[in-house]
Amino acid sequence: MSLVPLINPLTQEHVDAINRVLRSLADIDDTIKACEECGLDMSQRKDLQNAHRDFATKVKQIFMREHP
């Protein structure tokens, strides 16, 4: 961890956007699952989905600790 206090460059607008992304990922997970049940190969989309989730989660953990 850094010894220098972190200056948070993000605004409430950013917090809201990250939260919207995280909520929409759950909806997209359901769509991906339905597509797979229809026999479609969704592996590439799942990889992208996981990358988006990892990024949004990490941004929230680092810059938005005070926002659940």
C-alpha atoms as a PDB file:
ATOM      1  CA  MET A   1       0.000   0.000   0.000  1.00  0.00           C
ATOM      2  CA  SER A   2       1.184   3.506  -0.773  1.00  0.00           C
ATOM      3  CA  LEU A   3       2.452   5.768   2.008  1.00  0.00           C
ATOM      4  CA  VAL A   4       1.098   8.828   0.215  1.00  0.00           C
ATOM      5  CA  PRO A   5      -2.653   9.402   0.622  1.00  0.00           C
ATOM      6  CA  LEU A   6      -4.600   8.465  -2.474  1.00  0.00           C
ATOM      7  CA  ILE A   7      -6.172  11.403  -4.260  1.00  0.00           C
ATOM      8  CA  ASN A   8      -9.435  10.159  -5.684  1.00  0.00           C
ATOM      9  CA  PRO A   9      -9.962  11.597  -9.173  1.00  0.00           C
ATOM     10  CA  LEU A  10     -13.446  10.112  -9.433  1.00  0.00           C
ATOM     11  CA  THR A  11     -16.702  11.938  -8.864  1.00  0.00           C
ATOM     12  CA  GLN A  12     -20.146  10.748  -7.780  1.00  0.00           C
ATOM     13  CA  GLU A  13     -20.942  10.502 -11.477  1.00  0.00           C
ATOM     14  CA  HIS A  14     -18.166   7.926 -11.816  1.00  0.00           C
ATOM     15  CA  VAL A  15     -19.456   6.019  -8.796  1.00  0.00           C
ATOM     16  CA  ASP A  16     -22.909   5.902 -10.362  1.00  0.00           C
ATOM     17  CA  ALA A  17     -21.479   4.732 -13.696  1.00  0.00           C
ATOM     18  CA  ILE A  18     -19.446   1.914 -12.125  1.00  0.00           C
ATOM     19  CA  ASN A  19     -22.490   0.788 -10.148  1.00  0.00           C
ATOM     20  CA  ARG A  20     -24.573   0.754 -13.354  1.00  0.00           C
ATOM     21  CA  VAL A  21     -21.897  -1.325 -15.079  1.00  0.00           C
ATOM     22  CA  LEU A  22     -21.822  -3.841 -12.231  1.00  0.00           C
ATOM     23  CA  ARG A  23     -25.636  -4.126 -12.221  1.00  0.00           C
ATOM     24  CA  SER A  24     -25.800  -4.564 -15.995  1.00  0.00           C
ATOM     25  CA  LEU A  25     -23.168  -7.310 -15.894  1.00  0.00           C
ATOM     26  CA  ALA A  26     -25.531  -9.460 -13.837  1.00  0.00           C
ATOM     27  CA  ASP A  27     -28.260  -9.026 -16.464  1.00  0.00           C
ATOM     28  CA  ILE A  28     -25.841  -9.861 -19.266  1.00  0.00           C
ATOM     29  CA  ASP A  29     -24.742 -13.004 -17.386  1.00  0.00           C
ATOM     30  CA  ASP A  30     -28.330 -14.255 -17.639  1.00  0.00           C
ATOM     31  CA  THR A  31     -28.416 -13.525 -21.376  1.00  0.00           C
ATOM     32  CA  ILE A  32     -25.101 -15.318 -21.923  1.00  0.00           C
ATOM     33  CA  LYS A  33     -26.385 -18.335 -20.016  1.00  0.00           C
ATOM     34  CA  ALA A  34     -29.565 -18.420 -22.113  1.00  0.00           C
ATOM     35  CA  CYS A  35     -27.531 -18.223 -25.325  1.00  0.00           C
ATOM     36  CA  GLU A  36     -25.335 -21.105 -24.156  1.00  0.00           C
ATOM     37  CA  GLU A  37     -28.454 -23.148 -23.395  1.00  0.00           C
ATOM     38  CA  CYS A  38     -29.402 -22.603 -27.049  1.00  0.00           C
ATOM     39  CA  GLY A  39     -26.067 -24.066 -28.092  1.00  0.00           C
ATOM     40  CA  LEU A  40     -24.226 -20.851 -28.928  1.00  0.00           C
ATOM     41  CA  ASP A  41     -20.519 -20.533 -28.150  1.00  0.00           C
ATOM     42  CA  MET A  42     -20.318 -17.582 -25.788  1.00  0.00           C
ATOM     43  CA  SER A  43     -16.758 -18.154 -24.554  1.00  0.00           C
ATOM     44  CA  GLN A  44     -15.377 -14.979 -26.140  1.00  0.00           C
ATOM     45  CA  ARG A  45     -18.239 -12.877 -24.752  1.00  0.00           C
ATOM     46  CA  LYS A  46     -17.805 -14.472 -21.311  1.00  0.00           C
ATOM     47  CA  ASP A  47     -14.109 -13.558 -21.330  1.00  0.00           C
ATOM     48  CA  LEU A  48     -14.962  -9.942 -22.161  1.00  0.00           C
ATOM     49  CA  GLN A  49     -17.694  -9.955 -19.518  1.00  0.00           C
ATOM     50  CA  ASN A  50     -15.233 -11.184 -16.897  1.00  0.00           C
ATOM     51  CA  ALA A  51     -12.670  -8.549 -17.899  1.00  0.00           C
ATOM     52  CA  HIS A  52     -15.290  -5.794 -17.508  1.00  0.00           C
ATOM     53  CA  ARG A  53     -16.364  -7.188 -14.136  1.00  0.00           C
ATOM     54  CA  ASP A  54     -12.768  -7.436 -12.900  1.00  0.00           C
ATOM     55  CA  PHE A  55     -11.987  -3.863 -13.976  1.00  0.00           C
ATOM     56  CA  ALA A  56     -15.147  -2.337 -12.488  1.00  0.00           C
ATOM     57  CA  THR A  57     -14.713  -4.264  -9.254  1.00  0.00           C
ATOM     58  CA  LYS A  58     -11.075  -3.202  -8.904  1.00  0.00           C
ATOM     59  CA  VAL A  59     -11.882   0.473  -9.582  1.00  0.00           C
ATOM     60  CA  LYS A  60     -14.589   0.331  -6.941  1.00  0.00           C
ATOM     61  CA  GLN A  61     -12.283  -1.380  -4.414  1.00  0.00           C
ATOM     62  CA  ILE A  62      -9.468   1.116  -4.901  1.00  0.00           C
ATOM     63  CA  PHE A  63     -11.251   4.418  -5.443  1.00  0.00           C
ATOM     64  CA  MET A  64     -14.721   3.924  -3.977  1.00  0.00           C
ATOM     65  CA  ARG A  65     -14.195   2.154  -0.649  1.00  0.00           C
ATOM     66  CA  GLU A  66     -16.715   4.407   1.068  1.00  0.00           C
ATOM     67  CA  HIS A  67     -19.444   3.545  -1.479  1.00  0.00           C
ATOM     68  CA  PRO A  68     -21.078   0.120  -1.102  1.00  0.00           C
END
